Amino acid sequence: MSIPSRVEAAGLLLSIHPSPRALRHARAVGEVAGWLAYRINARGIPVNRAAVEAAGLLHDVDKVLRKRLPRDHPIRALPHGDGSAAWLTEQGHPELARLVANHSANRLVDEERYRTWSAFASREERIVAYADKRAAQRLGPMSARFADWQRRYGDDRGWGGAERGLAWQRALRLEADVCRAAGIEPNEVRRLAWTSRAMREAAP
C-alpha cells in the first residue's frame, strides 16, 4: 500500500475516462486541496500533502464510474463518496478511502455520519471536503458552490429549507477550521498548479 504520486493519481483518473467537466472539477479540487495543504504545512501543522492532492483529484471517481459500470456492480449501490472510497481500495489505495468517503455536501445533513465525522475527521479529510466546497469548474466562494447545487438539484438532495441552512452552517464551520489552520481568510484561498503536468505525464 502506498499513496499514489501525482502522476499515478492522474493516471488513475484518466483510466476511467472522465468527461471534460468532471476532469475540470477534479483538477480544481486537487489544486485547491494541494494549496491548502501546502499552506498548513508551512505553518508547522503536519499534513500529508501527497495524500490530500491525490484524494482531491480522485474524490469523485464514483460519479464517473456510475455511468460506465454494469447496473449490478456493487459500487453503483453505494452513496456518493463511499463509492469512490471502495474503488480506491480496490485499486490498492485504501489510505485514500477515508479522505474521500465523507466529502459530499450530503454528509452535512446526515446526522449520524456528520456527528462521527466532525468528531474524528483528520486534517486531510477536512481539507478535501472543504476544497470540494470551493471548487466547481474553477475556484470560487463557497456560497457560489451552494447556489449552483441548489440550481442544479433543487430539493432532490433531500434538503428542505432547514436542511440547507444546517448544511450551510456546518460548511461555514469547516471553512473556518481549515482557513484558521492555513492562517488565511476564505477569500485568500488559491490553487496550486500541479495537475497539468501530472496529466501530461500520465497520458497514454
N, C-alpha and C. Protein backbone atom coordinates (compact mmCIF):
# COMPACT_ATOMS: atom_id res chain seq x y z
N MET A 1 0.84 -1.19 0.00
CA MET A 1 0.00 0.00 0.00
C MET A 1 0.88 1.24 0.00
N SER A 2 0.52 2.20 -0.85
CA SER A 2 1.24 3.45 -0.87
C SER A 2 0.35 4.54 -1.42
N ILE A 3 0.67 5.76 -1.06
CA ILE A 3 -0.07 6.90 -1.61
C ILE A 3 0.41 7.11 -3.03
N PRO A 4 -0.50 7.20 -3.99
CA PRO A 4 -0.05 7.39 -5.37
C PRO A 4 0.64 8.73 -5.55
N SER A 5 1.63 8.75 -6.43
CA SER A 5 2.27 10.01 -6.78
C SER A 5 1.28 10.86 -7.57
N ARG A 6 1.67 12.09 -7.84
CA ARG A 6 0.81 12.95 -8.65
C ARG A 6 0.51 12.32 -10.01
N VAL A 7 1.52 11.78 -10.64
CA VAL A 7 1.33 11.18 -11.97
C VAL A 7 0.49 9.91 -11.86
N GLU A 8 0.71 9.11 -10.84
CA GLU A 8 -0.09 7.90 -10.66
C GLU A 8 -1.56 8.25 -10.40
N ALA A 9 -1.79 9.29 -9.59
CA ALA A 9 -3.18 9.70 -9.33
C ALA A 9 -3.84 10.19 -10.62
N ALA A 10 -3.09 10.95 -11.41
CA ALA A 10 -3.62 11.43 -12.69
C ALA A 10 -3.93 10.25 -13.60
N GLY A 11 -3.05 9.25 -13.60
CA GLY A 11 -3.26 8.06 -14.43
C GLY A 11 -4.51 7.30 -14.01
N LEU A 12 -4.74 7.20 -12.70
CA LEU A 12 -5.95 6.53 -12.23
C LEU A 12 -7.20 7.26 -12.71
N LEU A 13 -7.17 8.58 -12.63
CA LEU A 13 -8.33 9.35 -13.09
C LEU A 13 -8.54 9.19 -14.59
N LEU A 14 -7.48 9.31 -15.35
CA LEU A 14 -7.60 9.20 -16.81
C LEU A 14 -8.05 7.80 -17.23
N SER A 15 -7.74 6.79 -16.42
CA SER A 15 -8.08 5.41 -16.78
C SER A 15 -9.59 5.16 -16.83
N ILE A 16 -10.37 6.03 -16.17
CA ILE A 16 -11.82 5.83 -16.17
C ILE A 16 -12.51 6.81 -17.13
N HIS A 17 -11.72 7.55 -17.89
CA HIS A 17 -12.22 8.42 -18.96
C HIS A 17 -13.29 9.42 -18.49
N PRO A 18 -12.91 10.34 -17.60
CA PRO A 18 -13.89 11.32 -17.13
C PRO A 18 -14.29 12.29 -18.24
N SER A 19 -15.48 12.84 -18.14
CA SER A 19 -15.90 13.88 -19.08
C SER A 19 -15.03 15.13 -18.86
N PRO A 20 -14.98 16.03 -19.83
CA PRO A 20 -14.23 17.28 -19.63
C PRO A 20 -14.68 18.03 -18.38
N ARG A 21 -15.98 18.04 -18.12
CA ARG A 21 -16.49 18.74 -16.93
C ARG A 21 -15.99 18.07 -15.65
N ALA A 22 -16.09 16.75 -15.60
CA ALA A 22 -15.63 16.02 -14.41
C ALA A 22 -14.13 16.21 -14.21
N LEU A 23 -13.38 16.23 -15.31
CA LEU A 23 -11.93 16.40 -15.22
C LEU A 23 -11.58 17.80 -14.70
N ARG A 24 -12.27 18.82 -15.20
CA ARG A 24 -12.00 20.18 -14.72
C ARG A 24 -12.29 20.31 -13.23
N HIS A 25 -13.39 19.70 -12.78
CA HIS A 25 -13.72 19.76 -11.36
C HIS A 25 -12.68 19.02 -10.52
N ALA A 26 -12.31 17.83 -10.95
CA ALA A 26 -11.31 17.05 -10.21
C ALA A 26 -10.00 17.82 -10.09
N ARG A 27 -9.58 18.43 -11.19
CA ARG A 27 -8.33 19.20 -11.17
C ARG A 27 -8.44 20.41 -10.25
N ALA A 28 -9.57 21.09 -10.30
CA ALA A 28 -9.75 22.26 -9.44
C ALA A 28 -9.69 21.87 -7.96
N VAL A 29 -10.38 20.80 -7.59
CA VAL A 29 -10.38 20.36 -6.20
C VAL A 29 -8.98 19.90 -5.78
N GLY A 30 -8.31 19.14 -6.65
CA GLY A 30 -6.96 18.70 -6.34
C GLY A 30 -5.99 19.86 -6.12
N GLU A 31 -6.15 20.92 -6.91
CA GLU A 31 -5.24 22.06 -6.80
C GLU A 31 -5.56 22.94 -5.59
N VAL A 32 -6.84 23.11 -5.29
CA VAL A 32 -7.20 23.86 -4.08
C VAL A 32 -6.75 23.08 -2.84
N ALA A 33 -6.99 21.78 -2.82
CA ALA A 33 -6.58 20.96 -1.68
C ALA A 33 -5.06 20.99 -1.52
N GLY A 34 -4.33 20.91 -2.64
CA GLY A 34 -2.88 20.96 -2.57
C GLY A 34 -2.37 22.27 -2.01
N TRP A 35 -2.99 23.37 -2.43
CA TRP A 35 -2.57 24.69 -1.94
C TRP A 35 -2.82 24.82 -0.44
N LEU A 36 -4.00 24.36 0.01
CA LEU A 36 -4.31 24.43 1.43
C LEU A 36 -3.34 23.57 2.25
N ALA A 37 -3.05 22.37 1.76
CA ALA A 37 -2.11 21.51 2.48
C ALA A 37 -0.74 22.15 2.56
N TYR A 38 -0.31 22.78 1.47
CA TYR A 38 0.98 23.47 1.45
C TYR A 38 1.01 24.58 2.50
N ARG A 39 -0.05 25.39 2.55
CA ARG A 39 -0.10 26.50 3.50
C ARG A 39 -0.13 26.01 4.95
N ILE A 40 -0.89 24.97 5.19
CA ILE A 40 -0.99 24.45 6.56
C ILE A 40 0.34 23.85 6.99
N ASN A 41 0.98 23.09 6.11
CA ASN A 41 2.31 22.55 6.42
C ASN A 41 3.30 23.66 6.71
N ALA A 42 3.23 24.74 5.95
CA ALA A 42 4.17 25.85 6.11
C ALA A 42 4.03 26.52 7.48
N ARG A 43 2.88 26.34 8.11
CA ARG A 43 2.67 26.90 9.44
C ARG A 43 3.05 25.91 10.55
N GLY A 44 3.67 24.80 10.16
CA GLY A 44 4.15 23.84 11.14
C GLY A 44 3.12 22.83 11.59
N ILE A 45 1.99 22.76 10.88
CA ILE A 45 0.95 21.79 11.22
C ILE A 45 1.09 20.62 10.25
N PRO A 46 1.39 19.42 10.73
CA PRO A 46 1.64 18.29 9.81
C PRO A 46 0.40 17.91 9.01
N VAL A 47 0.56 17.85 7.71
CA VAL A 47 -0.49 17.40 6.80
C VAL A 47 0.17 16.56 5.72
N ASN A 48 -0.44 15.45 5.37
CA ASN A 48 0.10 14.61 4.29
C ASN A 48 -0.35 15.20 2.96
N ARG A 49 0.49 16.06 2.41
CA ARG A 49 0.11 16.78 1.20
C ARG A 49 -0.09 15.85 0.01
N ALA A 50 0.73 14.84 -0.13
CA ALA A 50 0.58 13.90 -1.25
C ALA A 50 -0.77 13.21 -1.21
N ALA A 51 -1.20 12.80 0.00
CA ALA A 51 -2.50 12.14 0.13
C ALA A 51 -3.63 13.11 -0.16
N VAL A 52 -3.50 14.35 0.30
CA VAL A 52 -4.53 15.36 0.07
C VAL A 52 -4.68 15.64 -1.42
N GLU A 53 -3.56 15.80 -2.12
CA GLU A 53 -3.62 16.08 -3.56
C GLU A 53 -4.26 14.93 -4.32
N ALA A 54 -3.82 13.70 -4.01
CA ALA A 54 -4.38 12.54 -4.71
C ALA A 54 -5.86 12.38 -4.42
N ALA A 55 -6.25 12.53 -3.15
CA ALA A 55 -7.66 12.39 -2.79
C ALA A 55 -8.50 13.50 -3.41
N GLY A 56 -7.96 14.71 -3.46
CA GLY A 56 -8.69 15.79 -4.10
C GLY A 56 -8.95 15.51 -5.56
N LEU A 57 -7.96 14.98 -6.24
CA LEU A 57 -8.10 14.68 -7.66
C LEU A 57 -9.08 13.53 -7.89
N LEU A 58 -9.14 12.58 -6.97
CA LEU A 58 -9.89 11.34 -7.19
C LEU A 58 -11.19 11.26 -6.38
N HIS A 59 -11.59 12.33 -5.73
CA HIS A 59 -12.72 12.26 -4.80
C HIS A 59 -14.04 11.88 -5.46
N ASP A 60 -14.21 12.22 -6.74
CA ASP A 60 -15.50 11.99 -7.41
C ASP A 60 -15.48 10.83 -8.42
N VAL A 61 -14.54 9.91 -8.29
CA VAL A 61 -14.45 8.85 -9.30
C VAL A 61 -15.74 8.02 -9.38
N ASP A 62 -16.45 7.90 -8.26
CA ASP A 62 -17.68 7.09 -8.31
C ASP A 62 -18.74 7.71 -9.22
N LYS A 63 -18.76 9.04 -9.33
CA LYS A 63 -19.71 9.69 -10.25
C LYS A 63 -19.41 9.29 -11.70
N VAL A 64 -18.13 9.23 -12.03
CA VAL A 64 -17.73 8.83 -13.38
C VAL A 64 -18.04 7.35 -13.60
N LEU A 65 -17.72 6.53 -12.61
CA LEU A 65 -17.89 5.08 -12.74
C LEU A 65 -19.35 4.66 -12.85
N ARG A 66 -20.25 5.42 -12.21
CA ARG A 66 -21.67 5.06 -12.27
C ARG A 66 -22.20 5.03 -13.70
N LYS A 67 -21.56 5.79 -14.58
CA LYS A 67 -22.00 5.84 -15.97
C LYS A 67 -21.37 4.72 -16.80
N ARG A 68 -20.41 4.01 -16.23
CA ARG A 68 -19.67 3.03 -17.00
C ARG A 68 -19.78 1.60 -16.48
N LEU A 69 -20.06 1.46 -15.19
CA LEU A 69 -20.12 0.12 -14.60
C LEU A 69 -21.46 -0.55 -14.90
N PRO A 70 -21.49 -1.88 -14.91
CA PRO A 70 -22.77 -2.59 -15.07
C PRO A 70 -23.75 -2.19 -13.96
N ARG A 71 -25.03 -2.28 -14.27
CA ARG A 71 -26.06 -1.85 -13.33
C ARG A 71 -25.99 -2.58 -11.99
N ASP A 72 -25.52 -3.83 -12.01
CA ASP A 72 -25.49 -4.61 -10.77
C ASP A 72 -24.14 -4.53 -10.05
N HIS A 73 -23.25 -3.64 -10.50
CA HIS A 73 -21.95 -3.52 -9.83
C HIS A 73 -22.15 -2.93 -8.43
N PRO A 74 -21.50 -3.49 -7.41
CA PRO A 74 -21.72 -3.03 -6.02
C PRO A 74 -21.44 -1.55 -5.80
N ILE A 75 -20.48 -0.99 -6.50
CA ILE A 75 -20.13 0.42 -6.29
C ILE A 75 -21.31 1.33 -6.64
N ARG A 76 -22.11 0.91 -7.61
CA ARG A 76 -23.24 1.75 -8.02
C ARG A 76 -24.30 1.85 -6.93
N ALA A 77 -24.32 0.91 -6.02
CA ALA A 77 -25.32 0.92 -4.94
C ALA A 77 -24.88 1.74 -3.73
N LEU A 78 -23.63 2.16 -3.72
CA LEU A 78 -23.10 2.89 -2.56
C LEU A 78 -23.40 4.38 -2.67
N PRO A 79 -23.55 5.06 -1.52
CA PRO A 79 -23.72 6.51 -1.54
C PRO A 79 -22.48 7.19 -2.13
N HIS A 80 -22.69 8.39 -2.68
CA HIS A 80 -21.57 9.14 -3.24
C HIS A 80 -20.51 9.36 -2.16
N GLY A 81 -19.28 9.17 -2.54
CA GLY A 81 -18.17 9.24 -1.59
C GLY A 81 -17.76 7.85 -1.16
N ASP A 82 -18.72 7.06 -0.69
CA ASP A 82 -18.42 5.68 -0.33
C ASP A 82 -18.01 4.88 -1.57
N GLY A 83 -18.64 5.20 -2.72
CA GLY A 83 -18.27 4.51 -3.95
C GLY A 83 -16.84 4.83 -4.36
N SER A 84 -16.45 6.09 -4.23
CA SER A 84 -15.06 6.47 -4.53
C SER A 84 -14.10 5.75 -3.59
N ALA A 85 -14.46 5.70 -2.30
CA ALA A 85 -13.61 5.03 -1.31
C ALA A 85 -13.45 3.55 -1.65
N ALA A 86 -14.55 2.89 -2.05
CA ALA A 86 -14.49 1.47 -2.38
C ALA A 86 -13.60 1.24 -3.60
N TRP A 87 -13.74 2.09 -4.62
CA TRP A 87 -12.94 1.92 -5.84
C TRP A 87 -11.46 2.14 -5.56
N LEU A 88 -11.14 3.16 -4.79
CA LEU A 88 -9.74 3.41 -4.47
C LEU A 88 -9.14 2.26 -3.67
N THR A 89 -9.94 1.67 -2.80
CA THR A 89 -9.47 0.50 -2.05
C THR A 89 -9.21 -0.66 -3.02
N GLU A 90 -10.12 -0.87 -3.97
CA GLU A 90 -9.93 -1.92 -4.98
C GLU A 90 -8.65 -1.69 -5.78
N GLN A 91 -8.32 -0.44 -6.02
CA GLN A 91 -7.14 -0.11 -6.81
C GLN A 91 -5.84 -0.18 -6.01
N GLY A 92 -5.95 -0.54 -4.72
CA GLY A 92 -4.76 -0.68 -3.89
C GLY A 92 -4.39 0.58 -3.13
N HIS A 93 -5.35 1.50 -2.95
CA HIS A 93 -5.07 2.75 -2.23
C HIS A 93 -6.08 2.99 -1.12
N PRO A 94 -6.19 2.04 -0.17
CA PRO A 94 -7.16 2.22 0.92
C PRO A 94 -6.85 3.42 1.80
N GLU A 95 -5.59 3.87 1.77
CA GLU A 95 -5.22 5.03 2.59
C GLU A 95 -5.90 6.31 2.12
N LEU A 96 -6.44 6.29 0.89
CA LEU A 96 -7.18 7.46 0.40
C LEU A 96 -8.69 7.35 0.67
N ALA A 97 -9.14 6.16 1.06
CA ALA A 97 -10.58 5.92 1.19
C ALA A 97 -11.23 6.87 2.20
N ARG A 98 -10.63 7.00 3.37
CA ARG A 98 -11.22 7.87 4.39
C ARG A 98 -11.26 9.32 3.93
N LEU A 99 -10.28 9.72 3.13
CA LEU A 99 -10.19 11.11 2.71
C LEU A 99 -11.29 11.50 1.74
N VAL A 100 -11.86 10.52 1.03
CA VAL A 100 -12.90 10.83 0.05
C VAL A 100 -14.30 10.41 0.49
N ALA A 101 -14.39 9.50 1.45
CA ALA A 101 -15.68 8.89 1.78
C ALA A 101 -16.73 9.91 2.22
N ASN A 102 -16.32 10.94 2.93
CA ASN A 102 -17.30 11.85 3.53
C ASN A 102 -17.20 13.28 3.00
N HIS A 103 -16.66 13.45 1.80
CA HIS A 103 -16.51 14.82 1.29
C HIS A 103 -17.82 15.43 0.82
N SER A 104 -18.81 14.61 0.50
CA SER A 104 -20.05 15.09 -0.11
C SER A 104 -20.79 16.06 0.80
N ALA A 105 -21.38 17.09 0.20
CA ALA A 105 -22.20 18.03 0.97
C ALA A 105 -23.37 17.33 1.64
N ASN A 106 -23.83 16.21 1.07
CA ASN A 106 -24.93 15.47 1.70
C ASN A 106 -24.58 15.00 3.11
N ARG A 107 -23.29 14.80 3.37
CA ARG A 107 -22.89 14.35 4.71
C ARG A 107 -23.19 15.42 5.77
N LEU A 108 -23.31 16.66 5.34
CA LEU A 108 -23.56 17.74 6.29
C LEU A 108 -24.95 17.66 6.91
N VAL A 109 -25.87 16.93 6.26
CA VAL A 109 -27.22 16.80 6.80
C VAL A 109 -27.55 15.36 7.23
N ASP A 110 -26.55 14.50 7.19
CA ASP A 110 -26.69 13.13 7.69
C ASP A 110 -26.20 13.14 9.13
N GLU A 111 -27.16 13.22 10.07
CA GLU A 111 -26.79 13.46 11.46
C GLU A 111 -25.78 12.47 12.02
N GLU A 112 -26.03 11.19 11.79
CA GLU A 112 -25.15 10.17 12.37
C GLU A 112 -23.74 10.27 11.79
N ARG A 113 -23.66 10.34 10.46
CA ARG A 113 -22.34 10.38 9.84
C ARG A 113 -21.64 11.70 10.12
N TYR A 114 -22.37 12.81 10.13
CA TYR A 114 -21.74 14.09 10.41
C TYR A 114 -21.20 14.13 11.83
N ARG A 115 -21.95 13.61 12.79
CA ARG A 115 -21.51 13.63 14.18
C ARG A 115 -20.19 12.87 14.32
N THR A 116 -20.10 11.70 13.70
CA THR A 116 -18.86 10.92 13.76
C THR A 116 -17.73 11.63 13.03
N TRP A 117 -18.04 12.11 11.82
CA TRP A 117 -17.01 12.77 11.01
C TRP A 117 -16.48 14.02 11.69
N SER A 118 -17.36 14.86 12.21
CA SER A 118 -16.91 16.11 12.82
C SER A 118 -16.06 15.86 14.05
N ALA A 119 -16.30 14.73 14.73
CA ALA A 119 -15.52 14.41 15.93
C ALA A 119 -14.17 13.79 15.60
N PHE A 120 -14.09 13.02 14.51
CA PHE A 120 -12.89 12.22 14.28
C PHE A 120 -12.17 12.47 12.96
N ALA A 121 -12.70 13.34 12.09
CA ALA A 121 -12.07 13.55 10.78
C ALA A 121 -10.66 14.11 10.94
N SER A 122 -9.77 13.58 10.13
CA SER A 122 -8.39 14.07 10.13
C SER A 122 -8.31 15.43 9.44
N ARG A 123 -7.19 16.10 9.62
CA ARG A 123 -6.98 17.37 8.91
C ARG A 123 -7.07 17.16 7.41
N GLU A 124 -6.52 16.04 6.93
CA GLU A 124 -6.56 15.75 5.50
C GLU A 124 -7.99 15.60 4.99
N GLU A 125 -8.83 14.89 5.74
CA GLU A 125 -10.23 14.73 5.35
C GLU A 125 -10.94 16.07 5.26
N ARG A 126 -10.67 16.94 6.21
CA ARG A 126 -11.32 18.25 6.25
C ARG A 126 -10.88 19.12 5.07
N ILE A 127 -9.62 19.02 4.72
CA ILE A 127 -9.13 19.81 3.57
C ILE A 127 -9.83 19.37 2.29
N VAL A 128 -9.91 18.07 2.05
CA VAL A 128 -10.54 17.57 0.83
C VAL A 128 -12.02 17.97 0.79
N ALA A 129 -12.71 17.81 1.91
CA ALA A 129 -14.13 18.18 1.95
C ALA A 129 -14.32 19.67 1.69
N TYR A 130 -13.45 20.49 2.26
CA TYR A 130 -13.57 21.94 2.05
C TYR A 130 -13.21 22.33 0.62
N ALA A 131 -12.16 21.75 0.08
CA ALA A 131 -11.75 22.07 -1.29
C ALA A 131 -12.89 21.79 -2.27
N ASP A 132 -13.62 20.70 -2.04
CA ASP A 132 -14.75 20.38 -2.91
C ASP A 132 -15.85 21.43 -2.81
N LYS A 133 -15.96 22.08 -1.68
CA LYS A 133 -17.00 23.10 -1.50
C LYS A 133 -16.55 24.47 -2.00
N ARG A 134 -15.30 24.57 -2.45
CA ARG A 134 -14.80 25.83 -3.01
C ARG A 134 -14.58 25.78 -4.51
N ALA A 135 -14.59 24.59 -5.08
CA ALA A 135 -14.23 24.46 -6.50
C ALA A 135 -15.28 23.67 -7.26
N ALA A 136 -15.91 24.32 -8.22
CA ALA A 136 -16.77 23.62 -9.17
C ALA A 136 -15.91 23.36 -10.40
N GLN A 137 -16.02 24.19 -11.41
CA GLN A 137 -15.11 24.11 -12.55
C GLN A 137 -13.88 24.98 -12.31
N ARG A 138 -14.00 25.89 -11.39
CA ARG A 138 -12.88 26.77 -11.00
C ARG A 138 -13.08 27.15 -9.54
N LEU A 139 -12.10 27.78 -8.96
CA LEU A 139 -12.17 28.23 -7.58
C LEU A 139 -13.17 29.37 -7.46
N GLY A 140 -14.02 29.31 -6.45
CA GLY A 140 -14.98 30.38 -6.20
C GLY A 140 -15.37 30.36 -4.74
N PRO A 141 -16.20 31.32 -4.33
CA PRO A 141 -16.65 31.32 -2.93
C PRO A 141 -17.57 30.14 -2.66
N MET A 142 -17.60 29.72 -1.42
CA MET A 142 -18.44 28.58 -1.06
C MET A 142 -19.91 28.88 -1.33
N SER A 143 -20.33 30.12 -1.18
CA SER A 143 -21.72 30.48 -1.43
C SER A 143 -22.12 30.19 -2.88
N ALA A 144 -21.19 30.40 -3.81
CA ALA A 144 -21.48 30.13 -5.23
C ALA A 144 -21.66 28.64 -5.46
N ARG A 145 -20.88 27.84 -4.77
CA ARG A 145 -20.98 26.39 -4.91
C ARG A 145 -22.35 25.90 -4.40
N PHE A 146 -22.77 26.40 -3.26
CA PHE A 146 -24.06 26.01 -2.71
C PHE A 146 -25.20 26.48 -3.62
N ALA A 147 -25.07 27.69 -4.16
CA ALA A 147 -26.11 28.21 -5.07
C ALA A 147 -26.19 27.36 -6.32
N ASP A 148 -25.04 26.90 -6.82
CA ASP A 148 -25.01 26.04 -8.00
C ASP A 148 -25.69 24.71 -7.72
N TRP A 149 -25.44 24.11 -6.56
CA TRP A 149 -26.11 22.86 -6.20
C TRP A 149 -27.62 23.06 -6.14
N GLN A 150 -28.04 24.19 -5.57
CA GLN A 150 -29.48 24.43 -5.47
C GLN A 150 -30.11 24.58 -6.85
N ARG A 151 -29.43 25.29 -7.74
CA ARG A 151 -29.94 25.46 -9.11
C ARG A 151 -30.04 24.13 -9.84
N ARG A 152 -29.01 23.30 -9.69
CA ARG A 152 -28.94 22.05 -10.45
C ARG A 152 -29.83 20.96 -9.88
N TYR A 153 -29.95 20.91 -8.55
CA TYR A 153 -30.62 19.77 -7.94
C TYR A 153 -31.90 20.13 -7.18
N GLY A 154 -32.11 21.40 -6.88
CA GLY A 154 -33.28 21.78 -6.11
C GLY A 154 -33.34 21.01 -4.82
N ASP A 155 -34.49 20.44 -4.52
CA ASP A 155 -34.64 19.66 -3.29
C ASP A 155 -34.37 18.17 -3.50
N ASP A 156 -33.83 17.81 -4.69
CA ASP A 156 -33.57 16.40 -4.96
C ASP A 156 -32.54 15.80 -4.02
N ARG A 157 -31.71 16.64 -3.40
CA ARG A 157 -30.72 16.14 -2.46
C ARG A 157 -31.34 15.84 -1.09
N GLY A 158 -32.62 16.09 -0.97
CA GLY A 158 -33.26 15.87 0.31
C GLY A 158 -33.07 17.02 1.27
N TRP A 159 -32.72 18.19 0.75
CA TRP A 159 -32.53 19.36 1.59
C TRP A 159 -33.76 20.24 1.51
N GLY A 160 -34.55 20.31 2.56
CA GLY A 160 -35.56 21.35 2.66
C GLY A 160 -34.87 22.62 3.13
N GLY A 161 -35.65 23.65 3.43
CA GLY A 161 -35.04 24.90 3.86
C GLY A 161 -34.19 24.74 5.10
N ALA A 162 -34.69 23.97 6.10
CA ALA A 162 -33.94 23.77 7.34
C ALA A 162 -32.67 22.99 7.09
N GLU A 163 -32.75 21.97 6.23
CA GLU A 163 -31.56 21.18 5.94
C GLU A 163 -30.50 22.00 5.22
N ARG A 164 -30.93 22.84 4.28
CA ARG A 164 -29.97 23.70 3.59
C ARG A 164 -29.27 24.64 4.58
N GLY A 165 -30.07 25.19 5.50
CA GLY A 165 -29.49 26.08 6.50
C GLY A 165 -28.49 25.36 7.39
N LEU A 166 -28.82 24.14 7.78
CA LEU A 166 -27.92 23.35 8.61
C LEU A 166 -26.64 23.02 7.85
N ALA A 167 -26.78 22.61 6.59
CA ALA A 167 -25.60 22.29 5.78
C ALA A 167 -24.70 23.52 5.65
N TRP A 168 -25.30 24.68 5.44
CA TRP A 168 -24.52 25.91 5.28
C TRP A 168 -23.77 26.25 6.56
N GLN A 169 -24.43 26.16 7.70
CA GLN A 169 -23.76 26.47 8.96
C GLN A 169 -22.59 25.51 9.23
N ARG A 170 -22.80 24.25 8.92
CA ARG A 170 -21.73 23.27 9.13
C ARG A 170 -20.59 23.48 8.15
N ALA A 171 -20.92 23.87 6.92
CA ALA A 171 -19.89 24.19 5.94
C ALA A 171 -19.08 25.40 6.37
N LEU A 172 -19.73 26.39 6.95
CA LEU A 172 -19.02 27.57 7.45
C LEU A 172 -18.06 27.20 8.58
N ARG A 173 -18.46 26.28 9.43
CA ARG A 173 -17.56 25.82 10.50
C ARG A 173 -16.35 25.10 9.91
N LEU A 174 -16.60 24.29 8.88
CA LEU A 174 -15.49 23.61 8.21
C LEU A 174 -14.55 24.64 7.58
N GLU A 175 -15.11 25.62 6.91
CA GLU A 175 -14.30 26.66 6.29
C GLU A 175 -13.45 27.38 7.32
N ALA A 176 -14.05 27.75 8.44
CA ALA A 176 -13.32 28.46 9.48
C ALA A 176 -12.17 27.61 10.02
N ASP A 177 -12.42 26.33 10.21
CA ASP A 177 -11.39 25.43 10.74
C ASP A 177 -10.21 25.30 9.79
N VAL A 178 -10.49 25.05 8.51
CA VAL A 178 -9.41 24.85 7.55
C VAL A 178 -8.65 26.16 7.32
N CYS A 179 -9.37 27.25 7.16
CA CYS A 179 -8.69 28.53 6.89
C CYS A 179 -7.88 28.99 8.11
N ARG A 180 -8.39 28.75 9.30
CA ARG A 180 -7.62 29.09 10.51
C ARG A 180 -6.31 28.31 10.54
N ALA A 181 -6.36 27.03 10.22
CA ALA A 181 -5.14 26.22 10.19
C ALA A 181 -4.15 26.75 9.16
N ALA A 182 -4.68 27.24 8.02
CA ALA A 182 -3.82 27.78 6.96
C ALA A 182 -3.39 29.21 7.22
N GLY A 183 -3.98 29.87 8.22
CA GLY A 183 -3.62 31.24 8.54
C GLY A 183 -4.11 32.24 7.51
N ILE A 184 -5.28 31.97 6.93
CA ILE A 184 -5.81 32.82 5.86
C ILE A 184 -7.28 33.11 6.09
N GLU A 185 -7.78 34.08 5.31
CA GLU A 185 -9.21 34.31 5.20
C GLU A 185 -9.71 33.51 3.99
N PRO A 186 -11.00 33.17 3.96
CA PRO A 186 -11.52 32.39 2.83
C PRO A 186 -11.25 33.00 1.46
N ASN A 187 -11.28 34.34 1.37
CA ASN A 187 -11.05 34.97 0.06
C ASN A 187 -9.59 34.92 -0.37
N GLU A 188 -8.73 34.37 0.47
CA GLU A 188 -7.32 34.25 0.11
C GLU A 188 -6.95 32.85 -0.41
N VAL A 189 -7.92 31.94 -0.43
CA VAL A 189 -7.65 30.58 -0.93
C VAL A 189 -7.24 30.65 -2.40
N ARG A 190 -6.27 29.85 -2.78
CA ARG A 190 -5.77 29.81 -4.16
C ARG A 190 -5.64 28.35 -4.61
N ARG A 191 -5.22 28.18 -5.86
CA ARG A 191 -4.93 26.86 -6.43
C ARG A 191 -3.43 26.69 -6.57
N LEU A 192 -2.95 25.49 -6.34
CA LEU A 192 -1.56 25.14 -6.57
C LEU A 192 -1.49 24.40 -7.90
N ALA A 193 -0.85 25.00 -8.88
CA ALA A 193 -0.88 24.45 -10.25
C ALA A 193 0.03 23.23 -10.35
N TRP A 194 -0.55 22.05 -10.20
CA TRP A 194 0.25 20.84 -10.34
C TRP A 194 -0.38 19.81 -11.29
N THR A 195 -1.66 19.94 -11.60
CA THR A 195 -2.33 18.87 -12.32
C THR A 195 -2.01 18.83 -13.82
N SER A 196 -1.72 19.98 -14.42
CA SER A 196 -1.45 19.97 -15.87
C SER A 196 -0.27 19.08 -16.21
N ARG A 197 0.81 19.25 -15.49
CA ARG A 197 2.00 18.44 -15.75
C ARG A 197 1.74 16.96 -15.45
N ALA A 198 1.03 16.70 -14.33
CA ALA A 198 0.73 15.30 -13.98
C ALA A 198 -0.12 14.65 -15.07
N MET A 199 -1.09 15.39 -15.60
CA MET A 199 -1.94 14.84 -16.66
C MET A 199 -1.13 14.56 -17.92
N ARG A 200 -0.26 15.48 -18.28
CA ARG A 200 0.59 15.27 -19.48
C ARG A 200 1.45 14.03 -19.33
N GLU A 201 2.05 13.88 -18.16
CA GLU A 201 2.95 12.75 -17.94
C GLU A 201 2.20 11.42 -17.82
N ALA A 202 0.93 11.50 -17.39
CA ALA A 202 0.15 10.27 -17.22
C ALA A 202 -0.57 9.86 -18.49
N ALA A 203 -0.70 10.78 -19.44
CA ALA A 203 -1.47 10.50 -20.64
C ALA A 203 -0.88 9.30 -21.39
N PRO A 204 -1.75 8.38 -21.87
CA PRO A 204 -1.25 7.18 -22.57
C PRO A 204 -0.60 7.54 -23.89
